Amino acid sequence: MKIRTCLVIFLVCFVMNCGCQVISWIKPMGGGGITHQSQDSGENPLGLYKANLVSSEHSVLDTFKGATRYQIELKIDDNLTSVSGHQDVVYTNQETTALDQLYFNLIPNVGGDYLKVENIQVNGKPVTWVMVFQDSALEIDLAEPLQPRAVLNISMDFSETVPDHMGGNYGLYIFQDDILALDSFFPIIPVYDDGGWNVQDPPSNADMIYTDAAFFEMQVTAPKDLVLVASGVEVNTTEEEGRQIVTFAGGPQRDFYLAASPRYQSASQQTGEVKVTSYYPKEFSDSGNLVLETTVKALQVFSRRYGPYPYTELDLASTPMQAGGMEYSGAAAMALGLYEQGNTASGSPNTVFLEYATAHEVAHQWFFNQVMNDQLEEPWLDEGFAQYLTYIYYLDTYGSAVADQVRASWERYWSAADKEPIPIGKPAGDYEPNQYAAIIYGRAPLFILELEKKMGAEVFTHFLAEYVKTYRWKTTDTQQFKSLAEETCNCDLTSLFDEWWAVN
């Protein structure tokens, strides 16, 4: 069973002439009814999602007509810990081979026996299915092979009892302090690639989501006093018998996140077409505004350098957790404990952690959401670049002196593994307990800086923007990354990759 360890924090606290303090925080990583549209009706099934995208991104919907669509009706009981739902999934086989099976990941079960499914049907008929990989996935045997370009309609009911205590998976899936955090709370289809379906026994570290870009329509029925925070945008809301019924639409994206609390208040700021909103208990308004300001600055820096943030909204919710933050598509959850200004961790102010963590999670909107890689097999590709972009945030916001201290913090992080030249390219489960965070959050971004030095800063920035553009909404791997880098710089990077990345 995958049990994520508690956050380990290595600090570097200092004050520059600019007045900025920086530390090296990193998570070991962190109504109206559903509109059911027919695949064959002639209607554009993705028209609903224009509201979720900035105007320059509307045309991308034309390239996603075969993407998976999730239509979910979710009910949150008055006790806020009992959650149930029904989901209809339209799945098109976009591979070149026929599929005999279909898998759904049940990620809450990585931390405990929380998510249960029943009444599974394919094209309206009951099917044979089993729980596999320590109950973290379900396997559906198809009556007939699903041919390329053929479509299935899968339906199922699910229910869950959300834990009220910190458990596995950093406590990201929890109800505590009157805050409900629903991390990866419904069955979701993993990537199928050259190696087959990406399902396995979960390791003791790393993030589990590895999905193709998809579309999510989520109708939430909940107590009316709950403030809801969700991926995507609100497209409809009504009230019935004292309960709110709110429909959200999000996509293209990798997952769907939901948090809720009667304690939440919010602050918002517009940057271009994007509305950024920070949610927090009212007693933490100063920290809530820090998160808001950091997010806006980070969005501006990353959009300018690496291409636009695609959505009209980005929401950040303060939730209980054992990490510093966690990324989701169009949303992020930030550790509630860091919002307590005046408190310290190892002698450093919480505000220092919170700014770093926020910039890091915003960076994942590029490396995780827009460009997806297998986080279990090659965790360096998303976490290493989220670290690097955080360095860029400090460079562009506060200058090179502060950014250099961020780099120095990675050296200290690597020291947890005695600065051994352990390859950054190993699967998450192959690292020893003291190695994973040290290598993925310390040595990996140091390699990226060496790569930037080799290629030249200007060429590297151009390359990274091209990398995002080339693999946007796709899945990628290290070899594709290396090939495009060499093509961009017209140079051979093999020796550098052998030194830092290669697994003997």
Protein backbone atom coordinates (compact mmCIF):
# COMPACT_ATOMS: atom_id res chain seq x y z
CA MET A 1 0.00 0.00 0.00
CA LYS A 2 1.38 3.40 -0.90
CA ILE A 3 1.90 5.42 2.27
CA ARG A 4 3.27 8.87 1.63
CA THR A 5 5.67 10.09 4.26
CA CYS A 6 5.31 13.38 6.08
CA LEU A 7 6.78 16.52 4.62
CA VAL A 8 10.50 16.90 5.24
CA ILE A 9 11.60 20.50 5.15
CA PHE A 10 15.08 21.82 4.59
CA LEU A 11 15.41 25.51 5.29
CA VAL A 12 17.52 28.32 4.00
CA CYS A 13 16.25 31.59 5.44
CA PHE A 14 17.83 34.91 4.65
CA VAL A 15 16.97 38.51 3.96
CA MET A 16 18.24 40.23 0.82
CA ASN A 17 18.41 43.95 0.21
CA CYS A 18 15.12 43.62 -1.64
CA GLY A 19 13.51 42.51 1.61
CA CYS A 20 12.49 39.09 0.28
CA GLN A 21 12.88 35.93 2.33
CA VAL A 22 13.23 32.57 0.61
CA ILE A 23 13.40 28.99 1.86
CA SER A 24 13.66 25.66 0.15
CA TRP A 25 10.19 24.24 0.79
CA ILE A 26 9.25 21.27 -1.31
CA LYS A 27 6.69 18.55 -0.83
CA PRO A 28 8.20 15.11 -1.31
CA MET A 29 5.97 15.33 -3.55
CA GLY A 30 3.62 17.77 -2.75
CA GLY A 31 -28.24 22.46 -10.60
CA GLY A 32 -29.77 22.16 -13.36
CA GLY A 33 -28.72 18.65 -14.19
CA ILE A 34 -25.98 17.15 -16.28
CA THR A 35 -26.20 17.91 -19.98
CA HIS A 36 -25.88 14.47 -21.57
CA GLN A 37 -24.82 14.97 -25.17
CA SER A 38 -24.78 12.16 -27.69
CA GLN A 39 -21.58 11.10 -29.45
CA ASP A 40 -23.60 10.69 -32.63
CA SER A 41 -26.09 13.52 -32.35
CA GLY A 42 -24.21 15.90 -34.62
CA GLU A 43 -23.86 18.37 -31.75
CA ASN A 44 -20.42 19.50 -30.69
CA PRO A 45 -20.06 17.57 -27.41
CA LEU A 46 -17.34 19.94 -26.20
CA GLY A 47 -19.07 23.28 -26.74
CA LEU A 48 -19.79 23.51 -23.02
CA TYR A 49 -16.08 23.83 -22.28
CA LYS A 50 -15.46 27.09 -24.11
CA ALA A 51 -16.32 28.91 -20.89
CA ASN A 52 -13.37 27.17 -19.24
CA LEU A 53 -10.83 28.38 -21.81
CA VAL A 54 -9.39 31.76 -22.63
CA SER A 55 -10.43 32.92 -26.09
CA SER A 56 -7.13 32.01 -27.78
CA GLU A 57 -7.65 28.39 -26.70
CA HIS A 58 -11.18 27.82 -28.00
CA SER A 59 -9.91 26.27 -31.22
CA VAL A 60 -8.15 23.48 -29.29
CA LEU A 61 -11.55 21.88 -28.71
CA ASP A 62 -11.65 20.89 -32.38
CA THR A 63 -8.71 18.55 -31.76
CA PHE A 64 -10.35 16.70 -28.87
CA LYS A 65 -13.46 15.15 -30.36
CA GLY A 66 -12.32 11.66 -29.37
CA ALA A 67 -11.22 12.58 -25.86
CA THR A 68 -12.69 10.83 -22.84
CA ARG A 69 -15.67 12.60 -21.28
CA TYR A 70 -16.74 12.17 -17.66
CA GLN A 71 -20.26 13.18 -16.60
CA ILE A 72 -20.60 12.86 -12.83
CA GLU A 73 -23.44 13.47 -10.41
CA LEU A 74 -21.98 13.89 -6.92
CA LYS A 75 -23.82 14.14 -3.61
CA ILE A 76 -22.21 15.40 -0.41
CA ASP A 77 -24.21 14.48 2.71
CA ASP A 78 -24.84 16.90 5.53
CA ASN A 79 -22.14 15.23 7.64
CA LEU A 80 -19.66 16.11 4.84
CA THR A 81 -17.86 12.76 5.18
CA SER A 82 -20.31 10.60 3.22
CA VAL A 83 -20.01 11.16 -0.52
CA SER A 84 -21.69 9.23 -3.31
CA GLY A 85 -21.93 9.55 -7.05
CA HIS A 86 -22.86 8.19 -10.43
CA GLN A 87 -20.63 8.61 -13.44
CA ASP A 88 -21.11 8.08 -17.15
CA VAL A 89 -17.93 7.90 -19.20
CA VAL A 90 -17.64 8.14 -22.97
CA TYR A 91 -14.40 6.40 -23.94
CA THR A 92 -12.98 6.20 -27.47
CA ASN A 93 -10.16 3.80 -28.26
CA GLN A 94 -7.56 6.17 -29.71
CA GLU A 95 -4.88 3.48 -29.90
CA THR A 96 -3.85 1.50 -32.98
CA THR A 97 -4.63 -1.83 -31.36
CA ALA A 98 -7.83 -3.41 -30.07
CA LEU A 99 -8.36 -3.39 -26.30
CA ASP A 100 -9.56 -6.45 -24.38
CA GLN A 101 -9.72 -4.67 -21.03
CA LEU A 102 -10.34 -1.27 -19.57
CA TYR A 103 -8.94 0.06 -16.28
CA PHE A 104 -9.96 2.75 -13.82
CA ASN A 105 -7.64 3.96 -11.06
CA LEU A 106 -9.18 4.34 -7.59
CA ILE A 107 -6.55 6.61 -6.08
CA PRO A 108 -8.17 7.17 -2.64
CA ASN A 109 -7.61 3.46 -1.98
CA VAL A 110 -3.87 4.07 -2.06
CA GLY A 111 -4.32 5.58 1.40
CA GLY A 112 -7.04 3.25 2.71
CA ASP A 113 -10.20 1.33 1.85
CA TYR A 114 -12.28 4.43 1.06
CA LEU A 115 -13.68 4.31 -2.49
CA LYS A 116 -16.16 1.59 -3.47
CA VAL A 117 -17.79 0.97 -6.85
CA GLU A 118 -20.82 -1.02 -7.96
CA ASN A 119 -23.34 -1.39 -10.78
CA ILE A 120 -20.73 -1.17 -13.54
CA GLN A 121 -22.20 -1.37 -17.03
CA VAL A 122 -20.72 -1.08 -20.51
CA ASN A 123 -23.10 0.06 -23.23
CA GLY A 124 -25.98 -0.59 -20.84
CA LYS A 125 -25.02 -4.17 -19.95
CA PRO A 126 -23.45 -5.48 -16.71
CA VAL A 127 -19.83 -6.56 -17.06
CA THR A 128 -17.27 -8.66 -15.22
CA TRP A 129 -14.81 -6.65 -13.18
CA VAL A 130 -12.27 -7.15 -10.38
CA MET A 131 -10.26 -4.99 -8.02
CA VAL A 132 -6.51 -5.25 -8.64
CA PHE A 133 -3.19 -3.70 -7.59
CA GLN A 134 -3.99 -3.53 -3.89
CA ASP A 135 -7.50 -2.27 -4.68
CA SER A 136 -6.05 0.87 -6.30
CA ALA A 137 -7.52 -0.05 -9.70
CA LEU A 138 -10.46 -1.90 -11.17
CA GLU A 139 -10.20 -4.07 -14.25
CA ILE A 140 -13.12 -4.47 -16.65
CA ASP A 141 -13.08 -7.41 -19.06
CA LEU A 142 -14.73 -6.41 -22.32
CA ALA A 143 -17.12 -8.87 -23.95
CA GLU A 144 -15.58 -8.08 -27.32
CA PRO A 145 -12.29 -6.33 -28.15
CA LEU A 146 -12.71 -2.59 -28.54
CA GLN A 147 -11.43 -1.75 -31.99
CA PRO A 148 -9.50 1.45 -32.78
CA ARG A 149 -11.83 4.48 -33.00
CA ALA A 150 -14.70 2.49 -31.48
CA VAL A 151 -16.62 4.05 -28.58
CA LEU A 152 -17.81 2.67 -25.24
CA ASN A 153 -20.26 4.14 -22.75
CA ILE A 154 -19.35 3.06 -19.22
CA SER A 155 -21.48 3.80 -16.17
CA MET A 156 -20.99 3.06 -12.50
CA ASP A 157 -22.01 4.12 -9.02
CA PHE A 158 -19.45 4.93 -6.36
CA SER A 159 -19.48 5.79 -2.69
CA GLU A 160 -16.89 6.80 -0.16
CA THR A 161 -16.42 7.72 3.45
CA VAL A 162 -13.82 10.47 3.65
CA PRO A 163 -11.41 10.04 6.58
CA ASP A 164 -11.32 12.65 9.33
CA HIS A 165 -7.69 11.99 10.22
CA MET A 166 -4.35 12.31 8.50
CA GLY A 167 -3.52 9.07 6.77
CA GLY A 168 -1.62 7.94 3.70
CA ASN A 169 -1.19 10.04 0.58
CA TYR A 170 -0.17 13.09 2.64
CA GLY A 171 -3.68 13.41 4.07
CA LEU A 172 -4.79 15.08 0.84
CA TYR A 173 -8.10 13.20 0.87
CA ILE A 174 -9.67 14.29 4.16
CA PHE A 175 -12.41 16.02 6.12
CA GLN A 176 -10.89 18.00 8.97
CA ASP A 177 -11.29 21.48 10.50
CA ASP A 178 -14.66 21.75 8.69
CA ILE A 179 -12.83 21.51 5.36
CA LEU A 180 -13.57 18.73 2.88
CA ALA A 181 -10.73 17.97 0.44
CA LEU A 182 -11.60 15.49 -2.31
CA ASP A 183 -8.32 14.45 -3.93
CA SER A 184 -8.78 12.17 -6.99
CA PHE A 185 -12.09 11.05 -5.53
CA PHE A 186 -13.68 9.15 -8.43
CA PRO A 187 -12.61 6.29 -10.73
CA ILE A 188 -10.45 7.63 -13.57
CA ILE A 189 -8.94 5.99 -16.66
CA PRO A 190 -5.10 5.83 -16.80
CA VAL A 191 -2.92 6.18 -19.88
CA TYR A 192 -2.60 3.32 -22.34
CA ASP A 193 0.73 3.48 -24.21
CA ASP A 194 3.35 1.25 -25.82
CA GLY A 195 3.74 -0.58 -22.52
CA GLY A 196 0.02 -1.20 -22.16
CA TRP A 197 -2.21 0.11 -19.38
CA ASN A 198 -0.38 2.16 -16.78
CA VAL A 199 -1.57 0.39 -13.65
CA GLN A 200 0.66 -1.13 -11.00
CA ASP A 201 1.06 -1.69 -7.30
CA PRO A 202 1.48 1.84 -5.93
CA PRO A 203 4.95 2.67 -4.59
CA SER A 204 5.52 4.39 -1.27
CA ASN A 205 6.16 7.78 -2.87
CA ALA A 206 5.32 9.91 -5.92
CA ASP A 207 2.05 11.16 -7.37
CA MET A 208 -0.36 8.71 -8.97
CA ILE A 209 -2.14 10.65 -11.71
CA TYR A 210 -1.07 9.69 -15.23
CA THR A 211 -3.98 10.41 -17.55
CA ASP A 212 -4.74 11.63 -21.03
CA ALA A 213 -6.33 15.06 -21.28
CA ALA A 214 -10.09 14.65 -20.81
CA PHE A 215 -13.29 16.59 -20.10
CA PHE A 216 -15.25 16.66 -16.87
CA GLU A 217 -18.82 17.77 -16.23
CA MET A 218 -19.49 17.60 -12.50
CA GLN A 219 -22.88 18.26 -10.90
CA VAL A 220 -22.49 18.68 -7.13
CA THR A 221 -25.43 18.51 -4.71
CA ALA A 222 -24.33 19.76 -1.29
CA PRO A 223 -25.43 21.69 1.81
CA LYS A 224 -26.12 25.24 0.77
CA ASP A 225 -23.75 26.77 3.33
CA LEU A 226 -20.72 25.09 1.74
CA VAL A 227 -18.40 27.21 -0.37
CA LEU A 228 -17.33 24.96 -3.24
CA VAL A 229 -13.90 25.14 -4.89
CA ALA A 230 -13.53 23.11 -8.06
CA SER A 231 -11.50 22.57 -11.19
CA GLY A 232 -13.12 24.23 -14.19
CA VAL A 233 -15.85 26.85 -14.15
CA GLU A 234 -19.34 27.00 -12.73
CA VAL A 235 -21.86 26.72 -15.57
CA ASN A 236 -25.12 26.33 -13.67
CA THR A 237 -26.47 26.62 -10.12
CA THR A 238 -29.87 26.16 -8.49
CA GLU A 239 -31.24 25.44 -5.03
CA GLU A 240 -33.61 22.61 -4.16
CA GLU A 241 -34.98 21.68 -0.73
CA GLY A 242 -32.34 23.71 1.04
CA ARG A 243 -29.41 22.22 -0.90
CA GLN A 244 -27.34 23.76 -3.65
CA ILE A 245 -26.92 22.04 -7.01
CA VAL A 246 -23.91 23.37 -8.86
CA THR A 247 -22.52 22.16 -12.18
CA PHE A 248 -18.86 22.65 -13.10
CA ALA A 249 -17.22 22.06 -16.48
CA GLY A 250 -13.48 21.57 -16.91
CA GLY A 251 -11.26 20.49 -19.76
CA PRO A 252 -9.06 19.65 -21.42
CA GLN A 253 -7.39 18.64 -18.18
CA ARG A 254 -5.86 15.69 -16.34
CA ASP A 255 -8.12 15.40 -13.29
CA PHE A 256 -10.89 17.13 -11.37
CA TYR A 257 -10.50 18.52 -7.85
CA LEU A 258 -13.10 19.57 -5.32
CA ALA A 259 -12.78 21.22 -1.92
CA ALA A 260 -15.59 22.63 0.23
CA SER A 261 -16.05 24.37 3.56
CA PRO A 262 -18.51 26.64 5.38
CA ARG A 263 -15.40 28.45 6.69
CA TYR A 264 -14.14 29.63 3.32
CA GLN A 265 -14.06 33.23 2.24
CA SER A 266 -12.28 34.31 -0.89
CA ALA A 267 -10.30 37.03 -2.61
CA SER A 268 -9.94 37.32 -6.38
CA GLN A 269 -7.81 39.17 -8.89
CA GLN A 270 -8.00 39.35 -12.68
CA THR A 271 -4.92 38.97 -14.85
CA GLY A 272 -5.80 39.14 -18.53
CA GLU A 273 -8.70 36.76 -19.11
CA VAL A 274 -7.83 34.69 -16.03
CA LYS A 275 -9.63 35.10 -12.71
CA VAL A 276 -7.45 33.93 -9.83
CA THR A 277 -9.24 33.15 -6.56
CA SER A 278 -7.77 32.26 -3.19
CA TYR A 279 -9.99 30.44 -0.64
CA TYR A 280 -9.21 30.40 3.08
CA PRO A 281 -10.83 30.64 6.53
CA LYS A 282 -11.50 34.28 7.36
CA GLU A 283 -8.94 34.37 10.18
CA PHE A 284 -6.20 33.74 7.58
CA SER A 285 -6.99 36.58 5.20
CA ASP A 286 -3.42 37.93 5.16
CA SER A 287 -2.03 34.58 4.06
CA GLY A 288 -4.91 34.11 1.65
CA ASN A 289 -3.97 37.37 -0.02
CA LEU A 290 -0.29 36.33 -0.12
CA VAL A 291 -1.30 33.19 -2.01
CA LEU A 292 -3.40 35.30 -4.37
CA GLU A 293 -0.62 37.79 -5.10
CA THR A 294 1.99 35.06 -5.57
CA THR A 295 -0.26 33.15 -7.96
CA VAL A 296 -0.90 36.19 -10.12
CA LYS A 297 2.81 36.99 -10.36
CA ALA A 298 3.71 33.38 -11.11
CA LEU A 299 1.05 33.12 -13.83
CA GLN A 300 2.41 36.23 -15.47
CA VAL A 301 6.03 35.04 -15.34
CA PHE A 302 5.32 31.52 -16.64
CA SER A 303 2.84 32.64 -19.31
CA ARG A 304 5.32 35.16 -20.67
CA ARG A 305 8.13 32.62 -20.87
CA TYR A 306 6.46 29.29 -21.66
CA GLY A 307 3.10 29.97 -23.25
CA PRO A 308 -0.30 30.99 -21.92
CA TYR A 309 -2.18 29.57 -18.98
CA PRO A 310 -5.18 28.11 -20.83
CA TYR A 311 -8.09 28.51 -18.44
CA THR A 312 -10.29 31.41 -17.42
CA GLU A 313 -9.93 30.49 -13.74
CA LEU A 314 -7.29 29.26 -11.31
CA ASP A 315 -8.44 28.44 -7.78
CA LEU A 316 -6.27 27.83 -4.70
CA ALA A 317 -7.81 26.33 -1.57
CA SER A 318 -6.29 26.04 1.90
CA THR A 319 -6.80 22.48 3.16
CA PRO A 320 -5.41 20.25 5.92
CA MET A 321 -2.51 18.14 4.67
CA GLN A 322 0.93 16.87 5.59
CA ALA A 323 2.55 18.33 2.48
CA GLY A 324 3.04 22.00 1.66
CA GLY A 325 0.77 21.92 -1.38
CA MET A 326 -0.64 19.74 -4.13
CA GLU A 327 -1.29 20.44 -7.80
CA TYR A 328 -4.47 19.75 -9.75
CA SER A 329 -5.77 20.85 -13.13
CA GLY A 330 -6.90 24.47 -12.84
CA ALA A 331 -6.55 24.33 -9.07
CA ALA A 332 -4.12 23.77 -6.21
CA ALA A 333 -4.48 22.90 -2.55
CA MET A 334 -2.19 24.65 -0.08
CA ALA A 335 -1.37 23.47 3.43
CA LEU A 336 -3.71 25.08 5.94
CA GLY A 337 -1.01 25.05 8.61
CA LEU A 338 1.16 27.44 6.57
CA TYR A 339 -1.55 30.12 6.72
CA GLU A 340 -0.93 30.76 10.43
CA GLN A 341 1.20 33.89 10.23
CA GLY A 342 3.49 34.42 13.18
CA ASN A 343 4.21 30.70 13.40
CA THR A 344 7.49 29.26 12.29
CA ALA A 345 8.95 25.99 11.15
CA SER A 346 12.56 25.40 12.17
CA GLY A 347 12.86 29.11 12.86
CA SER A 348 11.50 30.39 9.54
CA PRO A 349 8.20 32.23 9.00
CA ASN A 350 5.29 30.33 7.52
CA THR A 351 4.88 33.07 4.93
CA VAL A 352 8.25 32.07 3.47
CA PHE A 353 7.07 28.50 2.95
CA LEU A 354 3.75 29.61 1.57
CA GLU A 355 5.14 31.80 -1.21
CA TYR A 356 7.56 29.11 -2.38
CA ALA A 357 4.91 26.38 -2.24
CA THR A 358 2.42 28.49 -4.16
CA ALA A 359 4.84 29.28 -7.00
CA HIS A 360 5.77 25.59 -7.20
CA GLU A 361 2.15 24.44 -7.48
CA VAL A 362 1.34 27.09 -10.09
CA ALA A 363 4.30 25.80 -12.13
CA HIS A 364 2.58 22.41 -12.31
CA GLN A 365 -0.11 23.99 -14.50
CA TRP A 366 2.54 23.72 -17.23
CA PHE A 367 4.42 20.58 -16.13
CA PHE A 368 1.75 18.10 -15.10
CA ASN A 369 -1.41 19.58 -16.54
CA GLN A 370 -0.45 20.87 -19.97
CA VAL A 371 2.52 18.52 -20.47
CA MET A 372 1.98 15.18 -18.75
CA ASN A 373 4.56 12.49 -18.05
CA ASP A 374 4.45 9.24 -16.11
CA GLN A 375 4.96 10.47 -12.56
CA LEU A 376 5.72 6.98 -11.28
CA GLU A 377 8.28 6.06 -13.94
CA GLU A 378 9.90 9.49 -14.52
CA PRO A 379 9.00 11.80 -11.65
CA TRP A 380 11.92 14.11 -12.44
CA LEU A 381 10.16 15.42 -15.56
CA ASP A 382 7.33 17.21 -13.75
CA GLU A 383 8.74 17.83 -10.27
CA GLY A 384 12.17 18.86 -11.51
CA PHE A 385 10.62 21.42 -13.82
CA ALA A 386 8.19 22.67 -11.19
CA GLN A 387 11.28 23.32 -9.08
CA TYR A 388 13.06 25.02 -11.97
CA LEU A 389 10.08 27.26 -12.74
CA THR A 390 9.94 28.23 -9.07
CA TYR A 391 13.56 29.37 -9.43
CA ILE A 392 12.51 31.37 -12.51
CA TYR A 393 9.68 32.95 -10.49
CA TYR A 394 12.19 34.23 -7.92
CA LEU A 395 14.63 35.28 -10.64
CA ASP A 396 12.07 37.38 -12.50
CA THR A 397 10.37 38.70 -9.36
CA TYR A 398 13.28 39.39 -7.00
CA GLY A 399 16.48 39.10 -9.03
CA SER A 400 19.45 36.77 -9.34
CA ALA A 401 20.69 37.05 -5.74
CA VAL A 402 17.48 35.56 -4.38
CA ALA A 403 17.25 32.99 -7.19
CA ASP A 404 20.81 31.86 -6.40
CA GLN A 405 19.70 31.10 -2.85
CA VAL A 406 16.92 28.92 -4.21
CA ARG A 407 19.55 27.01 -6.16
CA ALA A 408 21.67 26.69 -3.02
CA SER A 409 18.69 25.19 -1.21
CA TRP A 410 18.54 22.38 -3.77
CA GLU A 411 22.17 21.56 -2.95
CA ARG A 412 21.20 21.24 0.70
CA TYR A 413 18.24 19.10 -0.23
CA TRP A 414 20.52 16.78 -2.23
CA SER A 415 22.70 16.53 0.86
CA ALA A 416 20.05 14.31 2.44
CA ALA A 417 21.40 11.62 0.10
CA ASP A 418 25.01 12.66 0.85
CA LYS A 419 25.18 14.23 -2.63
CA GLU A 420 25.58 10.81 -4.16
CA PRO A 421 25.34 10.96 -7.99
CA ILE A 422 22.17 8.87 -7.96
CA PRO A 423 20.47 9.01 -11.38
CA ILE A 424 17.50 11.34 -11.61
CA GLY A 425 15.88 9.07 -14.21
CA LYS A 426 14.85 6.20 -11.91
CA PRO A 427 11.21 5.25 -11.26
CA ALA A 428 9.83 6.61 -8.01
CA GLY A 429 9.63 3.19 -6.38
CA ASP A 430 13.34 2.46 -7.02
CA TYR A 431 14.58 5.19 -4.68
CA GLU A 432 15.42 4.50 -1.05
CA PRO A 433 13.38 6.49 1.52
CA ASN A 434 16.16 9.06 1.99
CA GLN A 435 16.78 9.37 -1.76
CA TYR A 436 13.49 10.21 -3.47
CA ALA A 437 13.01 13.80 -2.31
CA ALA A 438 16.75 14.52 -2.31
CA ILE A 439 17.13 13.44 -5.94
CA ILE A 440 13.80 14.48 -7.48
CA TYR A 441 13.53 17.86 -5.71
CA GLY A 442 17.25 18.56 -5.29
CA ARG A 443 19.45 16.92 -7.91
CA ALA A 444 16.87 17.02 -10.75
CA PRO A 445 16.50 20.83 -10.84
CA LEU A 446 20.28 21.15 -10.51
CA PHE A 447 20.55 19.05 -13.67
CA ILE A 448 18.10 21.36 -15.42
CA LEU A 449 20.28 24.34 -14.53
CA GLU A 450 23.29 22.48 -15.97
CA LEU A 451 21.27 21.85 -19.12
CA GLU A 452 20.40 25.54 -19.30
CA LYS A 453 24.10 26.40 -18.95
CA LYS A 454 25.06 23.95 -21.70
CA MET A 455 22.42 25.22 -24.14
CA GLY A 456 22.61 28.89 -23.13
CA ALA A 457 19.87 30.65 -21.16
CA GLU A 458 18.18 32.25 -24.17
CA VAL A 459 18.21 29.06 -26.24
CA PHE A 460 17.00 27.04 -23.25
CA THR A 461 14.06 29.37 -22.62
CA HIS A 462 13.12 29.10 -26.30
CA PHE A 463 13.46 25.32 -26.13
CA LEU A 464 11.27 24.99 -23.05
CA ALA A 465 8.54 27.08 -24.67
CA GLU A 466 8.75 24.86 -27.77
CA TYR A 467 8.65 21.74 -25.59
CA VAL A 468 5.41 22.92 -23.95
CA LYS A 469 3.96 23.86 -27.34
CA THR A 470 4.95 20.55 -28.97
CA TYR A 471 3.64 18.27 -26.22
CA ARG A 472 0.79 20.38 -24.92
CA TRP A 473 -2.15 18.18 -23.89
CA LYS A 474 -0.08 15.09 -24.76
CA THR A 475 2.06 12.71 -22.73
CA THR A 476 5.82 12.73 -23.07
CA ASP A 477 9.00 11.10 -21.76
CA THR A 478 12.68 11.81 -21.29
CA GLN A 479 13.75 10.62 -24.73
CA GLN A 480 11.31 12.97 -26.45
CA PHE A 481 12.50 15.77 -24.18
CA LYS A 482 16.17 15.07 -25.00
CA SER A 483 15.56 14.79 -28.77
CA LEU A 484 13.80 18.16 -28.94
CA ALA A 485 16.49 19.77 -26.78
CA GLU A 486 19.25 18.52 -29.09
CA GLU A 487 17.31 19.62 -32.15
CA THR A 488 16.86 23.10 -30.66
CA CYS A 489 20.47 23.64 -29.63
CA ASN A 490 21.98 21.65 -32.53
CA CYS A 491 24.21 19.94 -29.99
CA ASP A 492 24.81 16.49 -28.48
CA LEU A 493 23.57 16.25 -24.88
CA THR A 494 24.29 12.55 -24.42
CA SER A 495 27.23 12.94 -22.06
CA LEU A 496 25.28 15.36 -19.84
CA PHE A 497 22.31 13.00 -19.66
CA ASP A 498 24.63 10.07 -18.98
CA GLU A 499 26.15 11.95 -16.05
CA TRP A 500 22.88 13.02 -14.41
CA TRP A 501 19.97 11.02 -15.74
CA ALA A 502 21.12 7.60 -16.97
CA VAL A 503 20.23 4.51 -14.94
CA ASN A 504 23.01 1.91 -15.10
